[in-house]
PDB file of N, CA and C in Angstrom:
ATOM      1  N   MET A   1     124.787  69.890  97.146  1.00  0.00           N
ATOM      2  CA  MET A   1     123.374  69.871  96.797  1.00  0.00           C
ATOM      3  C   MET A   1     123.385  70.702  95.388  1.00  0.00           C
ATOM      4  N   GLN A   2     122.324  69.502  94.573  1.00  0.00           N
ATOM      5  CA  GLN A   2     122.528  70.386  93.376  1.00  0.00           C
ATOM      6  C   GLN A   2     121.118  71.121  92.967  1.00  0.00           C
ATOM      7  N   TYR A   3     121.521  72.251  92.258  1.00  0.00           N
ATOM      8  CA  TYR A   3     120.772  73.302  92.009  1.00  0.00           C
ATOM      9  C   TYR A   3     119.201  72.741  91.143  1.00  0.00           C
ATOM     10  N   GLN A   4     118.196  73.132  91.304  1.00  0.00           N
ATOM     11  CA  GLN A   4     117.402  72.468  90.865  1.00  0.00           C
ATOM     12  C   GLN A   4     116.421  73.841  90.399  1.00  0.00           C
ATOM     13  N   PRO A   5     115.963  74.096  88.859  1.00  0.00           N
ATOM     14  CA  PRO A   5     115.291  75.136  88.985  1.00  0.00           C
ATOM     15  C   PRO A   5     114.195  75.320  89.463  1.00  0.00           C
ATOM     16  N   LEU A   6     113.270  76.424  90.198  1.00  0.00           N
ATOM     17  CA  LEU A   6     111.975  76.842  90.683  1.00  0.00           C
ATOM     18  C   LEU A   6     111.379  77.372  89.413  1.00  0.00           C
ATOM     19  N   LYS A   7     109.838  76.813  89.829  1.00  0.00           N
ATOM     20  CA  LYS A   7     108.868  78.176  89.168  1.00  0.00           C
ATOM     21  C   LYS A   7     108.255  78.832  89.759  1.00  0.00           C
ATOM     22  N   VAL A   8     108.588  80.195  89.778  1.00  0.00           N
ATOM     23  CA  VAL A   8     107.238  80.828  90.647  1.00  0.00           C
ATOM     24  C   VAL A   8     106.096  81.171  89.466  1.00  0.00           C
ATOM     25  N   ILE A   9     105.155  81.457  90.526  1.00  0.00           N
ATOM     26  CA  ILE A   9     103.874  81.544  89.768  1.00  0.00           C
ATOM     27  C   ILE A   9     103.568  82.851  90.679  1.00  0.00           C
ATOM     28  N   ARG A  10     102.574  83.467  89.819  1.00  0.00           N
ATOM     29  CA  ARG A  10     101.742  84.757  90.218  1.00  0.00           C
ATOM     30  C   ARG A  10     100.289  84.704  90.271  1.00  0.00           C
ATOM     31  N   LYS A  11      99.676  85.586  91.038  1.00  0.00           N
ATOM     32  CA  LYS A  11      98.679  85.384  91.816  1.00  0.00           C
ATOM     33  C   LYS A  11      97.701  84.724  90.998  1.00  0.00           C
ATOM     34  N   PRO A  12      97.315  85.559  89.895  1.00  0.00           N
ATOM     35  CA  PRO A  12      96.210  84.570  89.042  1.00  0.00           C
ATOM     36  C   PRO A  12      96.562  82.762  88.649  1.00  0.00           C
ATOM     37  N   GLU A  13      97.657  82.602  88.578  1.00  0.00           N
ATOM     38  CA  GLU A  13      98.185  81.423  88.503  1.00  0.00           C
ATOM     39  C   GLU A  13      98.165  80.781  89.804  1.00  0.00           C
ATOM     40  N   ILE A  14      98.264  81.270  90.701  1.00  0.00           N
ATOM     41  CA  ILE A  14      97.733  80.685  92.485  1.00  0.00           C
ATOM     42  C   ILE A  14      96.416  80.438  92.431  1.00  0.00           C
ATOM     43  N   LYS A  15      95.682  81.407  91.796  1.00  0.00           N
ATOM     44  CA  LYS A  15      93.943  81.765  91.926  1.00  0.00           C
ATOM     45  C   LYS A  15      93.537  80.511  90.973  1.00  0.00           C
ATOM     46  N   ALA A  16      94.262  80.233  89.747  1.00  0.00           N
ATOM     47  CA  ALA A  16      93.713  79.105  89.044  1.00  0.00           C
ATOM     48  C   ALA A  16      93.986  77.763  89.376  1.00  0.00           C
ATOM     49  N   LEU A  17      94.863  77.628  90.163  1.00  0.00           N
ATOM     50  CA  LEU A  17      95.800  75.832  90.978  1.00  0.00           C
ATOM     51  C   LEU A  17      94.723  75.896  91.946  1.00  0.00           C
ATOM     52  N   THR A  18      94.636  76.943  92.948  1.00  0.00           N
ATOM     53  CA  THR A  18      93.944  76.615  94.484  1.00  0.00           C
ATOM     54  C   THR A  18      92.393  77.173  94.629  1.00  0.00           C
ATOM     55  N   GLY A  19      91.662  77.883  93.241  1.00  0.00           N
ATOM     56  CA  GLY A  19      90.266  78.313  93.716  1.00  0.00           C
ATOM     57  C   GLY A  19      90.588  79.463  94.676  1.00  0.00           C
ATOM     58  N   LEU A  20      91.501  79.909  95.228  1.00  0.00           N
ATOM     59  CA  LEU A  20      91.453  81.060  95.937  1.00  0.00           C
ATOM     60  C   LEU A  20      91.939  81.981  95.399  1.00  0.00           C
ATOM     61  N   SER A  21      90.544  83.082  95.977  1.00  0.00           N
ATOM     62  CA  SER A  21      90.829  84.641  95.723  1.00  0.00           C
ATOM     63  C   SER A  21      92.507  85.136  95.960  1.00  0.00           C
ATOM     64  N   THR A  22      92.624  86.335  95.488  1.00  0.00           N
ATOM     65  CA  THR A  22      93.106  86.788  95.840  1.00  0.00           C
ATOM     66  C   THR A  22      93.181  87.622  97.463  1.00  0.00           C
ATOM     67  N   THR A  23      92.794  88.286  98.081  1.00  0.00           N
ATOM     68  CA  THR A  23      91.982  88.352  99.714  1.00  0.00           C
ATOM     69  C   THR A  23      92.190  87.044 100.267  1.00  0.00           C
ATOM     70  N   THR A  24      91.409  85.751 100.384  1.00  0.00           N
ATOM     71  CA  THR A  24      91.648  84.538 100.594  1.00  0.00           C
ATOM     72  C   THR A  24      93.345  84.219 100.669  1.00  0.00           C
ATOM     73  N   GLN A  25      93.783  84.409  99.549  1.00  0.00           N
ATOM     74  CA  GLN A  25      95.329  83.957  99.741  1.00  0.00           C
ATOM     75  C   GLN A  25      95.734  84.556 100.706  1.00  0.00           C
ATOM     76  N   PHE A  26      95.635  85.952 101.266  1.00  0.00           N
ATOM     77  CA  PHE A  26      96.623  86.760 102.076  1.00  0.00           C
ATOM     78  C   PHE A  26      95.784  86.680 103.296  1.00  0.00           C
ATOM     79  N   GLU A  27      94.326  86.069 103.502  1.00  0.00           N
ATOM     80  CA  GLU A  27      93.959  85.367 104.874  1.00  0.00           C
ATOM     81  C   GLU A  27      94.821  84.282 105.213  1.00  0.00           C
ATOM     82  N   GLN A  28      95.183  83.528 104.187  1.00  0.00           N
ATOM     83  CA  GLN A  28      96.111  82.118 104.143  1.00  0.00           C
ATOM     84  C   GLN A  28      96.986  82.237 104.793  1.00  0.00           C
ATOM     85  N   ILE A  29      98.143  83.106 104.178  1.00  0.00           N
ATOM     86  CA  ILE A  29      99.268  83.564 104.512  1.00  0.00           C
ATOM     87  C   ILE A  29      99.325  83.886 105.829  1.00  0.00           C
ATOM     88  N   LYS A  30      97.988  84.862 106.291  1.00  0.00           N
ATOM     89  CA  LYS A  30      98.229  85.318 107.393  1.00  0.00           C
ATOM     90  C   LYS A  30      98.264  84.468 108.699  1.00  0.00           C
ATOM     91  N   LEU A  31      97.613  83.559 108.242  1.00  0.00           N
ATOM     92  CA  LEU A  31      96.985  82.240 109.175  1.00  0.00           C
ATOM     93  C   LEU A  31      98.200  81.102 109.137  1.00  0.00           C
ATOM     94  N   GLY A  32      99.092  81.442 108.135  1.00  0.00           N
ATOM     95  CA  GLY A  32     100.494  80.675 108.356  1.00  0.00           C
ATOM     96  C   GLY A  32     100.019  79.059 107.815  1.00  0.00           C
ATOM     97  N   LEU A  33      98.434  79.304 106.597  1.00  0.00           N
ATOM     98  CA  LEU A  33      98.394  78.452 106.101  1.00  0.00           C
ATOM     99  C   LEU A  33      98.691  78.268 104.155  1.00  0.00           C
ATOM    100  N   LEU A  34      99.604  79.248 103.746  1.00  0.00           N
ATOM    101  CA  LEU A  34     100.182  79.449 102.760  1.00  0.00           C
ATOM    102  C   LEU A  34     101.581  79.844 103.146  1.00  0.00           C
ATOM    103  N   PRO A  35     102.563  79.503 101.980  1.00  0.00           N
ATOM    104  CA  PRO A  35     103.404  80.229 102.458  1.00  0.00           C
ATOM    105  C   PRO A  35     103.687  81.808 102.079  1.00  0.00           C
ATOM    106  N   LYS A  36     104.264  82.883 102.590  1.00  0.00           N
ATOM    107  CA  LYS A  36     104.436  83.917 102.215  1.00  0.00           C
ATOM    108  C   LYS A  36     105.161  84.324 100.847  1.00  0.00           C
ATOM    109  N   TYR A  37     104.279  85.445 100.420  1.00  0.00           N
ATOM    110  CA  TYR A  37     105.110  85.737  99.032  1.00  0.00           C
ATOM    111  C   TYR A  37     106.041  86.098  98.669  1.00  0.00           C
ATOM    112  N   ILE A  38     106.800  85.641  97.513  1.00  0.00           N
ATOM    113  CA  ILE A  38     108.145  85.962  97.224  1.00  0.00           C
ATOM    114  C   ILE A  38     107.986  87.481  96.491  1.00  0.00           C
ATOM    115  N   ASN A  39     108.431  88.582  96.854  1.00  0.00           N
ATOM    116  CA  ASN A  39     109.157  89.734  96.110  1.00  0.00           C
ATOM    117  C   ASN A  39     109.467  89.578  95.134  1.00  0.00           C
ATOM    118  N   LEU A  40     108.862  89.881  94.125  1.00  0.00           N
ATOM    119  CA  LEU A  40     109.646  89.918  92.790  1.00  0.00           C
ATOM    120  C   LEU A  40     110.284  91.383  91.942  1.00  0.00           C
ATOM    121  N   GLY A  41     109.451  91.989  92.560  1.00  0.00           N
ATOM    122  CA  GLY A  41     109.732  93.283  92.425  1.00  0.00           C
ATOM    123  C   GLY A  41     109.181  94.255  93.296  1.00  0.00           C
ATOM    124  N   ALA A  42     109.083  95.581  92.503  1.00  0.00           N
ATOM    125  CA  ALA A  42     108.337  97.047  93.134  1.00  0.00           C
ATOM    126  C   ALA A  42     107.258  96.323  93.409  1.00  0.00           C
ATOM    127  N   ARG A  43     106.064  95.818  92.885  1.00  0.00           N
ATOM    128  CA  ARG A  43     104.854  95.106  92.213  1.00  0.00           C
ATOM    129  C   ARG A  43     104.574  94.248  92.229  1.00  0.00           C
ATOM    130  N   SER A  44     105.225  93.097  92.556  1.00  0.00           N
ATOM    131  CA  SER A  44     104.932  91.819  91.548  1.00  0.00           C
ATOM    132  C   SER A  44     105.609  90.833  92.994  1.00  0.00           C
ATOM    133  N   VAL A  45     104.691  90.148  92.952  1.00  0.00           N
ATOM    134  CA  VAL A  45     104.676  88.727  94.067  1.00  0.00           C
ATOM    135  C   VAL A  45     104.210  87.604  93.481  1.00  0.00           C
ATOM    136  N   GLY A  46     105.028  86.092  94.023  1.00  0.00           N
ATOM    137  CA  GLY A  46     104.097  85.035  93.461  1.00  0.00           C
ATOM    138  C   GLY A  46     104.738  83.928  94.337  1.00  0.00           C
ATOM    139  N   LEU A  47     104.769  82.973  93.982  1.00  0.00           N
ATOM    140  CA  LEU A  47     104.803  81.624  95.366  1.00  0.00           C
ATOM    141  C   LEU A  47     105.924  80.525  94.466  1.00  0.00           C
ATOM    142  N   PHE A  48     106.400  79.835  95.027  1.00  0.00           N
ATOM    143  CA  PHE A  48     106.914  78.912  94.113  1.00  0.00           C
ATOM    144  C   PHE A  48     105.967  77.906  94.169  1.00  0.00           C
ATOM    145  N   GLU A  49     105.903  77.212  92.658  1.00  0.00           N
ATOM    146  CA  GLU A  49     104.912  76.493  92.561  1.00  0.00           C
ATOM    147  C   GLU A  49     104.838  74.957  93.102  1.00  0.00           C
ATOM    148  N   HIS A  50     105.760  74.883  93.895  1.00  0.00           N
ATOM    149  CA  HIS A  50     106.088  73.224  94.429  1.00  0.00           C
ATOM    150  C   HIS A  50     105.457  74.022  95.758  1.00  0.00           C
ATOM    151  N   GLU A  51     105.749  74.636  96.440  1.00  0.00           N
ATOM    152  CA  GLU A  51     105.024  75.050  97.734  1.00  0.00           C
ATOM    153  C   GLU A  51     103.664  74.644  97.555  1.00  0.00           C
ATOM    154  N   VAL A  52     103.121  75.777  96.584  1.00  0.00           N
ATOM    155  CA  VAL A  52     101.800  75.528  96.533  1.00  0.00           C
ATOM    156  C   VAL A  52     100.755  73.918  96.107  1.00  0.00           C
ATOM    157  N   GLN A  53     101.610  73.516  95.472  1.00  0.00           N
ATOM    158  CA  GLN A  53     101.311  72.226  95.491  1.00  0.00           C
ATOM    159  C   GLN A  53     101.337  70.949  96.672  1.00  0.00           C
ATOM    160  N   ALA A  54     102.400  71.511  97.630  1.00  0.00           N
ATOM    161  CA  ALA A  54     102.228  70.089  98.468  1.00  0.00           C
ATOM    162  C   ALA A  54     101.223  71.222  99.280  1.00  0.00           C
ATOM    163  N   VAL A  55     100.890  72.072  99.483  1.00  0.00           N
ATOM    164  CA  VAL A  55      99.712  72.921 100.511  1.00  0.00           C
ATOM    165  C   VAL A  55      98.550  72.049 100.005  1.00  0.00           C
ATOM    166  N   LEU A  56      98.374  72.012  98.704  1.00  0.00           N
ATOM    167  CA  LEU A  56      97.104  71.406  98.070  1.00  0.00           C
ATOM    168  C   LEU A  56      97.087  69.628  98.261  1.00  0.00           C
ATOM    169  N   ALA A  57      98.425  69.034  97.792  1.00  0.00           N
ATOM    170  CA  ALA A  57      98.245  68.148  98.382  1.00  0.00           C
ATOM    171  C   ALA A  57      98.153  67.683 100.109  1.00  0.00           C
ATOM    172  N   ALA A  58      98.548  68.428 100.410  1.00  0.00           N
ATOM    173  CA  ALA A  58      98.094  68.056 102.603  1.00  0.00           C
ATOM    174  C   ALA A  58      96.276  68.797 102.576  1.00  0.00           C
ATOM    175  N   ARG A  59      96.016  69.444 101.650  1.00  0.00           N
ATOM    176  CA  ARG A  59      94.576  69.560 101.644  1.00  0.00           C
ATOM    177  C   ARG A  59      93.479  68.433 101.016  1.00  0.00           C
ATOM    178  N   SER A  60      94.084  67.979 100.215  1.00  0.00           N
ATOM    179  CA  SER A  60      93.474  66.569  99.513  1.00  0.00           C
ATOM    180  C   SER A  60      93.281  65.209 100.288  1.00  0.00           C
ATOM    181  N   VAL A  61      94.187  65.098 101.375  1.00  0.00           N
ATOM    182  CA  VAL A  61      93.617  63.844 101.903  1.00  0.00           C
ATOM    183  C   VAL A  61      93.756  64.463 103.544  1.00  0.00           C
ATOM    184  N   ASN A  62      93.193  65.859 103.684  1.00  0.00           N
ATOM    185  CA  ASN A  62      92.439  66.177 104.733  1.00  0.00           C
ATOM    186  C   ASN A  62      93.056  66.576 106.403  1.00  0.00           C
ATOM    187  N   LYS A  63      94.238  66.839 105.531  1.00  0.00           N
ATOM    188  CA  LYS A  63      95.366  67.500 106.731  1.00  0.00           C
ATOM    189  C   LYS A  63      94.814  68.781 107.641  1.00  0.00           C
ATOM    190  N   SER A  64      94.815  68.730 108.952  1.00  0.00           N
ATOM    191  CA  SER A  64      94.300  69.694 109.617  1.00  0.00           C
ATOM    192  C   SER A  64      94.906  70.975 109.154  1.00  0.00           C
ATOM    193  N   ASP A  65      94.119  72.186 110.094  1.00  0.00           N
ATOM    194  CA  ASP A  65      94.969  73.451 109.565  1.00  0.00           C
ATOM    195  C   ASP A  65      96.325  73.370 110.273  1.00  0.00           C
ATOM    196  N   CYS A  66      96.209  72.595 111.897  1.00  0.00           N
ATOM    197  CA  CYS A  66      97.487  72.856 112.593  1.00  0.00           C
ATOM    198  C   CYS A  66      98.651  72.213 111.663  1.00  0.00           C
ATOM    199  N   GLU A  67      98.187  71.079 110.834  1.00  0.00           N
ATOM    200  CA  GLU A  67      99.491  70.365 110.459  1.00  0.00           C
ATOM    201  C   GLU A  67     100.024  70.561 109.275  1.00  0.00           C
ATOM    202  N   ILE A  68      99.114  71.872 108.408  1.00  0.00           N
ATOM    203  CA  ILE A  68      99.391  72.294 107.032  1.00  0.00           C
ATOM    204  C   ILE A  68     100.484  73.873 107.612  1.00  0.00           C
ATOM    205  N   ARG A  69      99.731  74.135 109.066  1.00  0.00           N
ATOM    206  CA  ARG A  69     100.602  75.092 109.459  1.00  0.00           C
ATOM    207  C   ARG A  69     102.255  74.744 109.620  1.00  0.00           C
ATOM    208  N   GLU A  70     102.354  73.612 110.015  1.00  0.00           N
ATOM    209  CA  GLU A  70     103.655  72.806 110.232  1.00  0.00           C
ATOM    210  C   GLU A  70     104.408  72.538 108.804  1.00  0.00           C
ATOM    211  N   ILE A  71     103.631  72.177 107.816  1.00  0.00           N
ATOM    212  CA  ILE A  71     104.429  71.943 106.909  1.00  0.00           C
ATOM    213  C   ILE A  71     104.531  73.422 105.807  1.00  0.00           C
ATOM    214  N   VAL A  72     103.854  74.140 106.172  1.00  0.00           N
ATOM    215  CA  VAL A  72     104.316  75.872 105.433  1.00  0.00           C
ATOM    216  C   VAL A  72     105.493  75.871 106.466  1.00  0.00           C
ATOM    217  N   LYS A  73     105.387  76.170 107.534  1.00  0.00           N
ATOM    218  CA  LYS A  73     106.643  76.578 108.284  1.00  0.00           C
ATOM    219  C   LYS A  73     108.042  75.660 107.836  1.00  0.00           C
ATOM    220  N   ALA A  74     107.720  74.165 107.518  1.00  0.00           N
ATOM    221  CA  ALA A  74     108.525  73.316 107.074  1.00  0.00           C
ATOM    222  C   ALA A  74     109.027  73.833 105.511  1.00  0.00           C
ATOM    223  N   LEU A  75     107.892  74.037 104.644  1.00  0.00           N
ATOM    224  CA  LEU A  75     108.267  74.792 103.317  1.00  0.00           C
ATOM    225  C   LEU A  75     109.736  76.100 103.242  1.00  0.00           C
ATOM    226  N   ILE A  76     108.955  76.964 104.119  1.00  0.00           N
ATOM    227  CA  ILE A  76     109.719  78.527 104.501  1.00  0.00           C
ATOM    228  C   ILE A  76     111.317  78.134 105.007  1.00  0.00           C
ATOM    229  N   LYS A  77     111.371  77.115 105.781  1.00  0.00           N
ATOM    230  CA  LYS A  77     112.612  76.733 106.080  1.00  0.00           C
ATOM    231  C   LYS A  77     113.203  76.110 105.346  1.00  0.00           C
ATOM    232  N   GLN A  78     112.752  75.240 104.178  1.00  0.00           N
ATOM    233  CA  GLN A  78     113.531  74.765 102.906  1.00  0.00           C
ATOM    234  C   GLN A  78     113.702  75.449 102.025  1.00  0.00           C
ATOM    235  N   ARG A  79     113.072  77.140 102.002  1.00  0.00           N
ATOM    236  CA  ARG A  79     113.251  77.439 101.185  1.00  0.00           C
ATOM    237  C   ARG A  79     114.750  78.727 101.520  1.00  0.00           C
ATOM    238  N   GLU A  80     114.744  78.734 102.293  1.00  0.00           N
ATOM    239  CA  GLU A  80     115.800  79.444 103.555  1.00  0.00           C
ATOM    240  C   GLU A  80     117.381  78.949 103.209  1.00  0.00           C
ATOM    241  N   THR A  81     116.686  77.583 103.463  1.00  0.00           N
ATOM    242  CA  THR A  81     118.093  76.819 103.514  1.00  0.00           C
ATOM    243  C   THR A  81     118.893  76.570 102.001  1.00  0.00           C
ATOM    244  N   SER A  82     117.670  76.351 101.281  1.00  0.00           N
ATOM    245  CA  SER A  82     118.168  76.058  99.425  1.00  0.00           C
ATOM    246  C   SER A  82     118.656  77.518  99.098  1.00  0.00           C
ATOM    247  N   ALA A  83     118.252  78.681  99.558  1.00  0.00           N
ATOM    248  CA  ALA A  83     118.939  79.862  98.789  1.00  0.00           C
ATOM    249  C   ALA A  83     119.956  80.364  99.550  1.00  0.00           C
ATOM    250  N   ASN A  84     120.386  79.520 100.588  1.00  0.00           N
ATOM    251  CA  ASN A  84     121.647  80.252 101.296  1.00  0.00           C
ATOM    252  C   ASN A  84     122.703  79.258 100.631  1.00  0.00           C
ATOM    253  N   GLU A  85     122.282  78.053 100.553  1.00  0.00           N
ATOM    254  CA  GLU A  85     123.166  76.945 100.125  1.00  0.00           C
ATOM    255  C   GLU A  85     123.419  77.285  98.452  1.00  0.00           C
ATOM    256  N   LEU A  86     122.814  77.575  97.964  1.00  0.00           N
ATOM    257  CA  LEU A  86     123.150  78.492  96.315  1.00  0.00           C
ATOM    258  C   LEU A  86     124.283  79.774  96.466  1.00  0.00           C
ATOM    259  N   LEU A  87     123.423  80.482  97.314  1.00  0.00           N
ATOM    260  CA  LEU A  87     124.154  81.866  97.725  1.00  0.00           C
ATOM    261  C   LEU A  87     125.696  81.138  97.466  1.00  0.00           C
ATOM    262  N   LYS A  88     125.726  80.848  98.400  1.00  0.00           N
ATOM    263  CA  LYS A  88     127.106  79.880  99.205  1.00  0.00           C
ATOM    264  C   LYS A  88     127.738  79.248  97.707  1.00  0.00           C
ATOM    265  N   GLN A  89     127.361  78.538  97.132  1.00  0.00           N
ATOM    266  CA  GLN A  89     127.966  78.020  96.001  1.00  0.00           C
ATOM    267  C   GLN A  89     128.326  78.742  94.979  1.00  0.00           C
ATOM    268  N   LEU A  90     127.658  80.197  94.544  1.00  0.00           N
ATOM    269  CA  LEU A  90     127.646  80.699  93.602  1.00  0.00           C
ATOM    270  C   LEU A  90     129.214  81.831  94.056  1.00  0.00           C
ATOM    271  N   ALA A  91     128.964  82.185  95.496  1.00  0.00           N
ATOM    272  CA  ALA A  91     129.902  82.852  95.930  1.00  0.00           C
ATOM    273  C   ALA A  91     131.566  82.063  96.253  1.00  0.00           C
ATOM    274  N   ALA A  92     131.251  80.866  96.109  1.00  0.00           N
ATOM    275  CA  ALA A  92     132.664  80.225  95.743  1.00  0.00           C
ATOM    276  C   ALA A  92     133.672  80.114  94.904  1.00  0.00           C
TER     277      ALA A  92
END
């Protein structure tokens, strides 16, 4: 698998893309309707832009919350798989 660069967006950019306040972002994450934040440092978090876009795409075609939870689970699994594959390549 070839590595593809990822773009991390922080809370203000997430808000600009989704219209969701930080509080609502936290609520959506708690409900499984957005992926969990990625820790970027001691006081810095973000999300991969493509993950936010996937959730927005699902919302744009009126997917139910249940369906969106499944999409978010798949995105998180894909995140883990991609990270593990990249780390394996770097260790080789």
